[in-house]
Protein backbone atom coordinates (compact mmCIF):
# COMPACT_ATOMS: atom_id res chain seq x y z
CA UNK A 1 -10.75 -24.62 -8.73
CA UNK A 2 -13.13 -22.32 -6.87
CA UNK A 3 -11.24 -22.98 -3.62
CA UNK A 4 -8.03 -21.77 -5.27
CA UNK A 5 -9.88 -18.74 -6.64
CA UNK A 6 -11.19 -17.79 -3.21
CA UNK A 7 -7.79 -18.37 -1.61
CA UNK A 8 -6.10 -16.18 -4.22
CA UNK A 9 -8.67 -13.41 -3.89
CA UNK A 10 -8.57 -13.49 -0.08
CA UNK A 11 -5.48 -11.30 -0.20
CA UNK A 12 -6.22 -7.58 -0.73
CA UNK A 13 -3.03 -7.09 -2.77
CA UNK A 14 -4.08 -9.78 -5.23
CA UNK A 15 -7.58 -8.28 -5.47
CA UNK A 16 -5.94 -4.96 -6.34
CA UNK A 17 -3.87 -6.67 -9.04
CA UNK A 18 -7.08 -8.10 -10.51
CA UNK A 19 -8.66 -4.63 -10.39
CA UNK A 20 -5.66 -3.10 -12.18
CA UNK A 21 -5.67 -5.81 -14.84
CA UNK A 22 -9.35 -5.16 -15.55
CA UNK A 23 -8.46 -1.97 -17.37
CA UNK A 24 -5.51 -3.31 -19.36
CA UNK A 25 -2.87 -6.05 -19.45
CA UNK A 26 0.35 -5.02 -17.70
CA UNK A 27 3.88 -6.12 -16.97
CA UNK A 28 4.75 -7.32 -13.48
CA UNK A 29 7.17 -4.42 -13.06
CA UNK A 30 4.49 -1.87 -13.90
CA UNK A 31 2.11 -3.49 -11.42
CA UNK A 32 4.79 -3.52 -8.73
CA UNK A 33 5.68 0.12 -9.32
CA UNK A 34 2.05 1.24 -9.35
CA UNK A 35 1.42 -0.58 -6.08
CA UNK A 36 4.66 0.50 -4.41
CA UNK A 37 6.15 -2.94 -3.94
CA UNK A 38 9.27 -4.77 -4.96
CA UNK A 39 9.24 -6.95 -8.07
CA UNK A 40 9.94 -10.27 -6.25
CA UNK A 41 6.91 -9.77 -4.02
CA UNK A 42 4.72 -8.93 -7.02
CA UNK A 43 6.02 -12.06 -8.76
CA UNK A 44 4.86 -14.18 -5.81
CA UNK A 45 1.39 -12.61 -5.94
CA UNK A 46 1.19 -13.14 -9.69
CA UNK A 47 2.21 -16.78 -9.27
CA UNK A 48 -0.68 -17.37 -6.87
CA UNK A 49 -3.06 -15.70 -9.32
CA UNK A 50 -1.66 -17.78 -12.21
CA UNK A 51 -1.90 -21.01 -10.23
CA UNK A 52 -5.54 -20.19 -9.45
CA UNK A 53 -6.17 -19.58 -13.15
CA UNK A 54 -7.14 -15.94 -12.63
CA UNK A 55 -4.38 -14.45 -14.76
CA UNK A 56 -2.23 -15.66 -17.60
CA UNK A 57 1.21 -14.56 -18.66
CA UNK A 58 1.97 -13.89 -22.29
CA UNK A 59 5.22 -13.23 -24.00
CA UNK A 60 8.82 -14.11 -23.45
CA UNK A 61 10.31 -16.34 -20.78
CA UNK A 62 11.90 -13.20 -19.35
CA UNK A 63 9.63 -12.07 -16.51
CA UNK A 64 10.61 -8.45 -17.10
CA UNK A 65 8.81 -8.34 -20.44
CA UNK A 66 5.99 -10.81 -19.78
CA UNK A 67 2.49 -9.31 -19.98
CA UNK A 68 -0.20 -10.36 -17.51
CA UNK A 69 -3.89 -10.33 -18.30
CA UNK A 70 -7.06 -11.58 -16.64
CA UNK A 71 -8.28 -15.06 -17.51
CA UNK A 72 -12.06 -14.74 -17.97
CA UNK A 73 -12.75 -18.48 -17.64
CA UNK A 74 -11.82 -18.55 -13.94
CA UNK A 75 -13.98 -15.53 -13.24
CA UNK A 76 -16.88 -17.07 -15.18
CA UNK A 77 -16.61 -20.24 -13.07
CA UNK A 78 -16.73 -18.13 -9.90
CA UNK A 79 -19.70 -16.13 -11.24
CA UNK A 80 -21.59 -19.35 -12.08
CA UNK A 81 -21.05 -20.65 -8.55
CA UNK A 82 -22.15 -17.34 -7.01
CA UNK A 83 -25.25 -17.27 -9.23
CA UNK A 84 -26.12 -20.78 -8.09
CA UNK A 85 -25.76 -19.86 -4.42
CA UNK A 86 -27.69 -16.63 -4.92
CA UNK A 87 -30.46 -18.53 -6.72
CA UNK A 88 -30.78 -20.96 -3.84
CA UNK A 89 -31.01 -18.22 -1.23
CA UNK A 90 -33.33 -16.15 -3.41
CA UNK A 91 -35.71 -19.11 -3.55
CA UNK A 92 -35.45 -19.66 0.19
CA UNK A 93 -36.16 -15.99 0.95
CA UNK A 94 -39.11 -15.92 -1.45
CA UNK A 95 -40.60 -18.98 0.25
CA UNK A 96 -40.06 -17.41 3.68
CA UNK A 97 -41.69 -14.16 2.52
CA UNK A 98 -44.70 -16.04 1.16
CA UNK A 99 -44.99 -17.94 4.43
CA UNK A 100 -44.65 -14.78 6.55
CA UNK A 101 -47.26 -12.89 4.51
CA UNK A 102 -49.79 -15.72 4.59
CA UNK A 103 -53.01 -14.91 6.45
CA UNK A 104 -53.36 -16.79 9.76
C-alpha cells in the first residue's frame, strides 16, 4: 500500500488536493474550481487518491454531490514507515558520531 501512496503523492496536483482536504472535506467540483481545472481531470486525480486509500468519498452515487475527505489510516501507515526509516538512520548517524568523536 505504501507504493500506491508514494505513487499517488508523487503528483503535485494530488498533493495539493490532500493539502486542501486537510482543512475540510470538499466536493470534487469545489476542488476543481479552487484549483482551476476541469471536473473530469479532478475526478481522475481523486480516483488515484481513492485507489491509494488516501481519500474516501461519502454520499450519493452522483459525483457532483459526493464529499471527499482524507483517510487517516493511509497517512498513519506512511508515517509509521517513515518513522521506522528515520529511526534506522538516526541510529546509524548516532553510531557514526560516536565513532568519529572517539579519541584515537
